[in-house]
Amino acid sequence: MNTDQLKGKWNQAKGKLKQKYGDLTDNDLTYAEGKFDEMLGKIQEKTGKTKEQLKEEIDNF
């Protein structure tokens, strides 16, 4: 999935990630241009998943 595709799905994915991983906050899920890897790192710390796993999970939403 490229960054443009992610932007299109992001609002939907945010809600599902927050439901699945209750420890995630709005700040953790704030997506800013050029900060995608940083955001994935925050999510990765809280979920214990790899970046690849998270990208796949988001893609499947």
PDB file of N, CA and C in Angstrom:
ATOM      1  N   MET A   1       0.850  -1.166   0.000  1.00  0.00           N
ATOM      2  CA  MET A   1       0.000   0.000   0.000  1.00  0.00           C
ATOM      3  C   MET A   1       0.894   1.226   0.000  1.00  0.00           C
ATOM      4  N   ASN A   2       0.556   2.213  -0.829  1.00  0.00           N
ATOM      5  CA  ASN A   2       1.350   3.429  -0.816  1.00  0.00           C
ATOM      6  C   ASN A   2       0.704   4.467   0.099  1.00  0.00           C
ATOM      7  N   THR A   3       1.393   5.572   0.291  1.00  0.00           N
ATOM      8  CA  THR A   3       0.933   6.589   1.225  1.00  0.00           C
ATOM      9  C   THR A   3      -0.392   7.203   0.797  1.00  0.00           C
ATOM     10  N   ASP A   4      -0.597   7.398  -0.492  1.00  0.00           N
ATOM     11  CA  ASP A   4      -1.861   7.966  -0.965  1.00  0.00           C
ATOM     12  C   ASP A   4      -3.034   7.050  -0.655  1.00  0.00           C
ATOM     13  N   GLN A   5      -2.834   5.760  -0.821  1.00  0.00           N
ATOM     14  CA  GLN A   5      -3.900   4.812  -0.500  1.00  0.00           C
ATOM     15  C   GLN A   5      -4.203   4.840   0.997  1.00  0.00           C
ATOM     16  N   LEU A   6      -3.149   4.946   1.798  1.00  0.00           N
ATOM     17  CA  LEU A   6      -3.343   4.983   3.245  1.00  0.00           C
ATOM     18  C   LEU A   6      -4.152   6.198   3.656  1.00  0.00           C
ATOM     19  N   LYS A   7      -3.870   7.346   3.082  1.00  0.00           N
ATOM     20  CA  LYS A   7      -4.612   8.561   3.418  1.00  0.00           C
ATOM     21  C   LYS A   7      -6.102   8.361   3.195  1.00  0.00           C
ATOM     22  N   GLY A   8      -6.442   7.706   2.119  1.00  0.00           N
ATOM     23  CA  GLY A   8      -7.841   7.485   1.800  1.00  0.00           C
ATOM     24  C   GLY A   8      -8.562   6.597   2.793  1.00  0.00           C
ATOM     25  N   LYS A   9      -7.849   5.691   3.415  1.00  0.00           N
ATOM     26  CA  LYS A   9      -8.449   4.744   4.350  1.00  0.00           C
ATOM     27  C   LYS A   9      -8.230   5.141   5.808  1.00  0.00           C
ATOM     28  N   TRP A  10      -7.478   6.199   6.037  1.00  0.00           N
ATOM     29  CA  TRP A  10      -6.985   6.443   7.390  1.00  0.00           C
ATOM     30  C   TRP A  10      -8.073   6.676   8.418  1.00  0.00           C
ATOM     31  N   ASN A  11      -9.078   7.494   8.148  1.00  0.00           N
ATOM     32  CA  ASN A  11     -10.111   7.752   9.154  1.00  0.00           C
ATOM     33  C   ASN A  11     -10.835   6.482   9.550  1.00  0.00           C
ATOM     34  N   GLN A  12     -11.120   5.645   8.586  1.00  0.00           N
ATOM     35  CA  GLN A  12     -11.767   4.366   8.873  1.00  0.00           C
ATOM     36  C   GLN A  12     -10.838   3.485   9.709  1.00  0.00           C
ATOM     37  N   ALA A  13      -9.585   3.430   9.333  1.00  0.00           N
ATOM     38  CA  ALA A  13      -8.622   2.582  10.027  1.00  0.00           C
ATOM     39  C   ALA A  13      -8.390   3.059  11.458  1.00  0.00           C
ATOM     40  N   LYS A  14      -8.365   4.383  11.675  1.00  0.00           N
ATOM     41  CA  LYS A  14      -8.144   4.922  13.024  1.00  0.00           C
ATOM     42  C   LYS A  14      -9.175   4.383  14.001  1.00  0.00           C
ATOM     43  N   GLY A  15     -10.431   4.454  13.603  1.00  0.00           N
ATOM     44  CA  GLY A  15     -11.488   3.977  14.496  1.00  0.00           C
ATOM     45  C   GLY A  15     -11.352   2.501  14.811  1.00  0.00           C
ATOM     46  N   LYS A  16     -11.009   1.719  13.811  1.00  0.00           N
ATOM     47  CA  LYS A  16     -10.876   0.276  14.036  1.00  0.00           C
ATOM     48  C   LYS A  16      -9.659  -0.047  14.884  1.00  0.00           C
ATOM     49  N   LEU A  17      -8.564   0.677  14.690  1.00  0.00           N
ATOM     50  CA  LEU A  17      -7.377   0.448  15.515  1.00  0.00           C
ATOM     51  C   LEU A  17      -7.654   0.804  16.970  1.00  0.00           C
ATOM     52  N   LYS A  18      -8.362   1.906  17.209  1.00  0.00           N
ATOM     53  CA  LYS A  18      -8.685   2.303  18.575  1.00  0.00           C
ATOM     54  C   LYS A  18      -9.596   1.281  19.241  1.00  0.00           C
ATOM     55  N   GLN A  19     -10.516   0.690  18.478  1.00  0.00           N
ATOM     56  CA  GLN A  19     -11.383  -0.340  19.039  1.00  0.00           C
ATOM     57  C   GLN A  19     -10.585  -1.589  19.391  1.00  0.00           C
ATOM     58  N   LYS A  20      -9.672  -1.963  18.517  1.00  0.00           N
ATOM     59  CA  LYS A  20      -8.914  -3.197  18.706  1.00  0.00           C
ATOM     60  C   LYS A  20      -7.827  -3.060  19.766  1.00  0.00           C
ATOM     61  N   TYR A  21      -7.178  -1.899  19.792  1.00  0.00           N
ATOM     62  CA  TYR A  21      -6.082  -1.650  20.729  1.00  0.00           C
ATOM     63  C   TYR A  21      -6.452  -0.456  21.592  1.00  0.00           C
ATOM     64  N   GLY A  22      -7.100  -0.724  22.698  1.00  0.00           N
ATOM     65  CA  GLY A  22      -7.615   0.332  23.563  1.00  0.00           C
ATOM     66  C   GLY A  22      -6.581   1.286  24.112  1.00  0.00           C
ATOM     67  N   ASP A  23      -5.316   0.907  24.118  1.00  0.00           N
ATOM     68  CA  ASP A  23      -4.266   1.781  24.638  1.00  0.00           C
ATOM     69  C   ASP A  23      -3.895   2.902  23.681  1.00  0.00           C
ATOM     70  N   LEU A  24      -4.308   2.820  22.424  1.00  0.00           N
ATOM     71  CA  LEU A  24      -3.951   3.848  21.448  1.00  0.00           C
ATOM     72  C   LEU A  24      -4.771   5.108  21.689  1.00  0.00           C
ATOM     73  N   THR A  25      -4.108   6.249  21.600  1.00  0.00           N
ATOM     74  CA  THR A  25      -4.770   7.535  21.785  1.00  0.00           C
ATOM     75  C   THR A  25      -4.872   8.262  20.445  1.00  0.00           C
ATOM     76  N   ASP A  26      -5.625   9.357  20.433  1.00  0.00           N
ATOM     77  CA  ASP A  26      -5.705  10.177  19.226  1.00  0.00           C
ATOM     78  C   ASP A  26      -4.320  10.682  18.835  1.00  0.00           C
ATOM     79  N   ASN A  27      -3.499  11.027  19.832  1.00  0.00           N
ATOM     80  CA  ASN A  27      -2.142  11.494  19.542  1.00  0.00           C
ATOM     81  C   ASN A  27      -1.310  10.399  18.880  1.00  0.00           C
ATOM     82  N   ASP A  28      -1.477   9.168  19.303  1.00  0.00           N
ATOM     83  CA  ASP A  28      -0.739   8.063  18.694  1.00  0.00           C
ATOM     84  C   ASP A  28      -1.122   7.902  17.227  1.00  0.00           C
ATOM     85  N   LEU A  29      -2.353   8.200  16.920  1.00  0.00           N
ATOM     86  CA  LEU A  29      -2.874   7.950  15.583  1.00  0.00           C
ATOM     87  C   LEU A  29      -2.904   9.191  14.700  1.00  0.00           C
ATOM     88  N   THR A  30      -2.265  10.259  15.145  1.00  0.00           N
ATOM     89  CA  THR A  30      -2.208  11.463  14.327  1.00  0.00           C
ATOM     90  C   THR A  30      -1.242  11.236  13.187  1.00  0.00           C
ATOM     91  N   TYR A  31      -1.774  11.362  11.990  1.00  0.00           N
ATOM     92  CA  TYR A  31      -0.975  11.146  10.792  1.00  0.00           C
ATOM     93  C   TYR A  31      -0.646  12.491  10.175  1.00  0.00           C
ATOM     94  N   ALA A  32       0.615  12.791  10.051  1.00  0.00           N
ATOM     95  CA  ALA A  32       1.057  14.021   9.406  1.00  0.00           C
ATOM     96  C   ALA A  32       1.940  13.660   8.224  1.00  0.00           C
ATOM     97  N   GLU A  33       1.887  14.453   7.205  1.00  0.00           N
ATOM     98  CA  GLU A  33       2.691  14.204   6.013  1.00  0.00           C
ATOM     99  C   GLU A  33       4.150  13.992   6.402  1.00  0.00           C
ATOM    100  N   GLY A  34       4.734  12.922   5.933  1.00  0.00           N
ATOM    101  CA  GLY A  34       6.130  12.627   6.214  1.00  0.00           C
ATOM    102  C   GLY A  34       6.378  11.997   7.567  1.00  0.00           C
ATOM    103  N   LYS A  35       5.336  11.777   8.337  1.00  0.00           N
ATOM    104  CA  LYS A  35       5.492  11.225   9.687  1.00  0.00           C
ATOM    105  C   LYS A  35       4.896   9.825   9.816  1.00  0.00           C
ATOM    106  N   PHE A  36       4.632   9.189   8.690  1.00  0.00           N
ATOM    107  CA  PHE A  36       3.981   7.885   8.713  1.00  0.00           C
ATOM    108  C   PHE A  36       4.799   6.864   9.498  1.00  0.00           C
ATOM    109  N   ASP A  37       6.109   6.790   9.247  1.00  0.00           N
ATOM    110  CA  ASP A  37       6.939   5.811   9.953  1.00  0.00           C
ATOM    111  C   ASP A  37       6.992   6.088  11.447  1.00  0.00           C
ATOM    112  N   GLU A  38       7.011   7.355  11.818  1.00  0.00           N
ATOM    113  CA  GLU A  38       7.007   7.708  13.242  1.00  0.00           C
ATOM    114  C   GLU A  38       5.710   7.260  13.899  1.00  0.00           C
ATOM    115  N   MET A  39       4.591   7.480  13.214  1.00  0.00           N
ATOM    116  CA  MET A  39       3.305   7.059  13.742  1.00  0.00           C
ATOM    117  C   MET A  39       3.243   5.541  13.865  1.00  0.00           C
ATOM    118  N   LEU A  40       3.718   4.831  12.835  1.00  0.00           N
ATOM    119  CA  LEU A  40       3.724   3.369  12.912  1.00  0.00           C
ATOM    120  C   LEU A  40       4.586   2.888  14.069  1.00  0.00           C
ATOM    121  N   GLY A  41       5.686   3.582  14.341  1.00  0.00           N
ATOM    122  CA  GLY A  41       6.541   3.225  15.468  1.00  0.00           C
ATOM    123  C   GLY A  41       5.808   3.319  16.791  1.00  0.00           C
ATOM    124  N   LYS A  42       5.006   4.378  16.958  1.00  0.00           N
ATOM    125  CA  LYS A  42       4.220   4.533  18.187  1.00  0.00           C
ATOM    126  C   LYS A  42       3.208   3.403  18.329  1.00  0.00           C
ATOM    127  N   ILE A  43       2.535   3.091  17.227  1.00  0.00           N
ATOM    128  CA  ILE A  43       1.545   2.010  17.257  1.00  0.00           C
ATOM    129  C   ILE A  43       2.244   0.684  17.512  1.00  0.00           C
ATOM    130  N   GLN A  44       3.401   0.502  16.905  1.00  0.00           N
ATOM    131  CA  GLN A  44       4.168  -0.727  17.065  1.00  0.00           C
ATOM    132  C   GLN A  44       4.556  -0.941  18.522  1.00  0.00           C
ATOM    133  N   GLU A  45       4.979   0.106  19.213  1.00  0.00           N
ATOM    134  CA  GLU A  45       5.345   0.007  20.631  1.00  0.00           C
ATOM    135  C   GLU A  45       4.174  -0.488  21.469  1.00  0.00           C
ATOM    136  N   LYS A  46       2.984   0.006  21.186  1.00  0.00           N
ATOM    137  CA  LYS A  46       1.822  -0.334  22.002  1.00  0.00           C
ATOM    138  C   LYS A  46       1.193  -1.667  21.644  1.00  0.00           C
ATOM    139  N   THR A  47       1.390  -2.119  20.403  1.00  0.00           N
ATOM    140  CA  THR A  47       0.745  -3.367  19.986  1.00  0.00           C
ATOM    141  C   THR A  47       1.704  -4.549  19.931  1.00  0.00           C
ATOM    142  N   GLY A  48       3.009  -4.276  19.820  1.00  0.00           N
ATOM    143  CA  GLY A  48       3.986  -5.351  19.708  1.00  0.00           C
ATOM    144  C   GLY A  48       4.057  -5.971  18.324  1.00  0.00           C
ATOM    145  N   LYS A  49       3.415  -5.342  17.343  1.00  0.00           N
ATOM    146  CA  LYS A  49       3.424  -5.869  15.981  1.00  0.00           C
ATOM    147  C   LYS A  49       4.511  -5.181  15.159  1.00  0.00           C
ATOM    148  N   THR A  50       4.914  -5.840  14.070  1.00  0.00           N
ATOM    149  CA  THR A  50       5.908  -5.238  13.182  1.00  0.00           C
ATOM    150  C   THR A  50       5.215  -4.198  12.292  1.00  0.00           C
ATOM    151  N   LYS A  51       6.007  -3.333  11.702  1.00  0.00           N
ATOM    152  CA  LYS A  51       5.450  -2.327  10.793  1.00  0.00           C
ATOM    153  C   LYS A  51       4.750  -3.002   9.623  1.00  0.00           C
ATOM    154  N   GLU A  52       5.319  -4.078   9.139  1.00  0.00           N
ATOM    155  CA  GLU A  52       4.714  -4.795   8.026  1.00  0.00           C
ATOM    156  C   GLU A  52       3.352  -5.370   8.424  1.00  0.00           C
ATOM    157  N   GLN A  53       3.276  -5.926   9.632  1.00  0.00           N
ATOM    158  CA  GLN A  53       2.006  -6.464  10.115  1.00  0.00           C
ATOM    159  C   GLN A  53       0.961  -5.365  10.229  1.00  0.00           C
ATOM    160  N   LEU A  54       1.374  -4.202  10.745  1.00  0.00           N
ATOM    161  CA  LEU A  54       0.444  -3.097  10.902  1.00  0.00           C
ATOM    162  C   LEU A  54      -0.031  -2.568   9.553  1.00  0.00           C
ATOM    163  N   LYS A  55       0.885  -2.442   8.593  1.00  0.00           N
ATOM    164  CA  LYS A  55       0.495  -1.974   7.262  1.00  0.00           C
ATOM    165  C   LYS A  55      -0.512  -2.932   6.640  1.00  0.00           C
ATOM    166  N   GLU A  56      -0.281  -4.224   6.803  1.00  0.00           N
ATOM    167  CA  GLU A  56      -1.201  -5.229   6.260  1.00  0.00           C
ATOM    168  C   GLU A  56      -2.557  -5.149   6.945  1.00  0.00           C
ATOM    169  N   GLU A  57      -2.528  -4.973   8.264  1.00  0.00           N
ATOM    170  CA  GLU A  57      -3.788  -4.885   9.016  1.00  0.00           C
ATOM    171  C   GLU A  57      -4.593  -3.656   8.578  1.00  0.00           C
ATOM    172  N   ILE A  58      -3.923  -2.530   8.425  1.00  0.00           N
ATOM    173  CA  ILE A  58      -4.588  -1.308   7.973  1.00  0.00           C
ATOM    174  C   ILE A  58      -5.138  -1.501   6.568  1.00  0.00           C
ATOM    175  N   ASP A  59      -4.363  -2.137   5.730  1.00  0.00           N
ATOM    176  CA  ASP A  59      -4.787  -2.383   4.351  1.00  0.00           C
ATOM    177  C   ASP A  59      -6.036  -3.247   4.297  1.00  0.00           C
ATOM    178  N   ASN A  60      -6.190  -4.141   5.253  1.00  0.00           N
ATOM    179  CA  ASN A  60      -7.336  -5.058   5.266  1.00  0.00           C
ATOM    180  C   ASN A  60      -8.598  -4.432   5.840  1.00  0.00           C
ATOM    181  N   PHE A  61      -8.531  -3.224   6.393  1.00  0.00           N
ATOM    182  CA  PHE A  61      -9.724  -2.561   6.937  1.00  0.00           C
ATOM    183  C   PHE A  61     -10.602  -2.172   5.832  1.00  0.00           C
TER     184      PHE A  61
END
